[in-house]
Amino acid sequence: VRLVESGGGSVQPGESLQLSCKASGFNFRDIAMNWYRQRPGKEREWVAGISPTSEDTGYADAVKGRFTISRDNINNILYLQLNNLKPEDTAVYYCKVVNVVEYWGQGTRVTVSS
């Protein structure tokens, strides 16, 4: 199993980013996927999740209405669209899959600052 995140960067408040997570080594289209983040000095927290067919999605209250999770089951890519970013969204963002055991990517850093 391999998960590789990308798309992070430094932006100003109100701007947008799209994060990607390229997955390999398992049947991506059959498994729910999740995004987590770890803000400075905080525990890692769940951000959003999506069912295998994209029928169901869920979001943490802090990001609801601003972030959108999606997936491409042809190319095995998980996305997280981050809109109207706030300084408190500054974090390392990770994708996670549970395939018997948990697998995490290396993370991609998002910094929101004016």
Protein backbone atom coordinates (compact mmCIF):
# COMPACT_ATOMS: atom_id res chain seq x y z
CA VAL A 1 0.00 0.00 0.00
CA ARG A 2 1.30 3.41 -0.90
CA LEU A 3 -0.30 6.82 -0.41
CA VAL A 4 1.38 9.95 -1.74
CA GLU A 5 -0.09 13.36 -0.95
CA SER A 6 0.62 16.51 -2.90
CA GLY A 7 -0.76 19.98 -3.50
CA GLY A 8 0.09 21.72 -0.27
CA GLY A 9 1.60 25.17 -0.13
CA SER A 10 1.53 28.62 1.42
CA VAL A 11 -1.51 30.77 0.75
CA GLN A 12 -3.27 33.80 2.16
CA PRO A 13 -6.57 33.67 4.04
CA GLY A 14 -9.51 33.26 1.70
CA GLU A 15 -7.52 31.48 -0.97
CA SER A 16 -7.92 27.89 -2.17
CA LEU A 17 -5.85 24.76 -2.65
CA GLN A 18 -6.51 21.29 -3.99
CA LEU A 19 -4.78 18.39 -2.30
CA SER A 20 -4.29 15.04 -4.00
CA CYS A 21 -3.52 11.59 -2.68
CA LYS A 22 -2.29 9.06 -5.22
CA ALA A 23 -3.02 5.53 -4.01
CA SER A 24 -1.57 2.20 -5.07
CA GLY A 25 -1.23 -1.34 -3.82
CA PHE A 26 -4.84 -2.03 -2.96
CA ASN A 27 -8.31 -2.00 -4.55
CA PHE A 28 -8.85 1.74 -4.24
CA ARG A 29 -12.36 1.71 -5.69
CA ASP A 30 -13.59 -0.74 -3.03
CA ILE A 31 -12.48 1.13 0.09
CA ALA A 32 -13.57 4.28 1.92
CA MET A 33 -10.92 6.97 2.15
CA ASN A 34 -10.28 9.73 4.64
CA TRP A 35 -8.34 12.95 5.06
CA TYR A 36 -6.83 13.93 8.39
CA ARG A 37 -4.74 16.87 9.47
CA GLN A 38 -2.35 17.72 12.26
CA ARG A 39 -2.21 21.35 13.25
CA PRO A 40 0.83 22.72 15.09
CA GLY A 41 0.82 21.54 18.67
CA LYS A 42 -2.39 19.55 18.21
CA GLU A 43 -3.38 15.91 17.86
CA ARG A 44 -4.08 14.55 14.42
CA GLU A 45 -7.76 15.04 13.60
CA TRP A 46 -10.20 13.69 11.07
CA VAL A 47 -11.19 16.17 8.34
CA ALA A 48 -13.32 14.36 5.78
CA GLY A 49 -14.28 10.92 4.52
CA ILE A 50 -15.78 9.44 1.37
CA SER A 51 -17.39 6.10 0.59
CA PRO A 52 -16.05 3.84 -2.19
CA THR A 53 -18.58 5.04 -4.76
CA SER A 54 -18.60 8.67 -3.56
CA GLU A 55 -22.24 8.30 -2.55
CA ASP A 56 -21.53 9.31 1.02
CA THR A 57 -19.22 12.01 2.33
CA GLY A 58 -18.66 13.46 5.77
CA TYR A 59 -16.86 16.48 7.16
CA ALA A 60 -15.61 17.79 10.44
CA ASP A 61 -17.61 20.78 11.63
CA ALA A 62 -14.58 23.05 11.32
CA VAL A 63 -14.35 22.52 7.56
CA LYS A 64 -17.96 21.87 6.56
CA GLY A 65 -19.02 24.14 3.72
CA ARG A 66 -15.43 25.05 2.84
CA PHE A 67 -13.74 21.73 2.03
CA THR A 68 -14.87 19.13 -0.49
CA ILE A 69 -13.65 15.56 -0.67
CA SER A 70 -13.82 13.62 -3.92
CA ARG A 71 -12.20 10.65 -5.60
CA ASP A 72 -11.24 9.36 -9.03
CA ASN A 73 -11.64 5.59 -9.01
CA ILE A 74 -10.16 5.27 -12.49
CA ASN A 75 -6.83 6.85 -11.62
CA ASN A 76 -6.86 5.95 -7.91
CA ILE A 77 -6.66 9.51 -6.65
CA LEU A 78 -8.30 11.06 -3.61
CA TYR A 79 -8.83 14.82 -3.58
CA LEU A 80 -9.53 17.49 -1.01
CA GLN A 81 -10.58 20.90 -2.28
CA LEU A 82 -9.86 23.56 0.33
CA ASN A 83 -11.73 26.84 -0.17
CA ASN A 84 -11.87 30.01 1.91
CA LEU A 85 -8.82 28.92 3.86
CA LYS A 86 -8.27 30.29 7.34
CA PRO A 87 -5.09 30.55 9.41
CA GLU A 88 -6.44 27.80 11.67
CA ASP A 89 -6.39 25.44 8.67
CA THR A 90 -2.59 25.52 8.79
CA ALA A 91 -1.58 21.88 9.19
CA VAL A 92 -0.01 18.85 7.62
CA TYR A 93 -2.74 17.01 5.73
CA TYR A 94 -2.71 13.22 5.43
CA CYS A 95 -4.78 10.66 3.58
CA LYS A 96 -5.54 7.39 5.30
CA VAL A 97 -6.89 4.02 4.29
CA VAL A 98 -7.76 1.03 6.39
CA ASN A 99 -6.97 -2.18 4.51
CA VAL A 100 -6.73 -4.70 7.34
CA VAL A 101 -4.38 -2.20 8.99
CA GLU A 102 -4.10 1.56 8.76
CA TYR A 103 -1.93 3.14 6.11
CA TRP A 104 -0.95 6.81 6.01
CA GLY A 105 0.77 8.97 3.48
CA GLN A 106 3.72 11.20 4.31
CA GLY A 107 1.53 14.30 4.42
CA THR A 108 1.45 17.60 2.59
CA ARG A 109 1.85 20.91 4.42
CA VAL A 110 -0.66 23.73 4.14
CA THR A 111 0.22 27.13 5.56
CA VAL A 112 -2.38 29.90 5.66
CA SER A 113 -0.98 33.27 6.63
CA SER A 114 -1.27 36.90 5.67
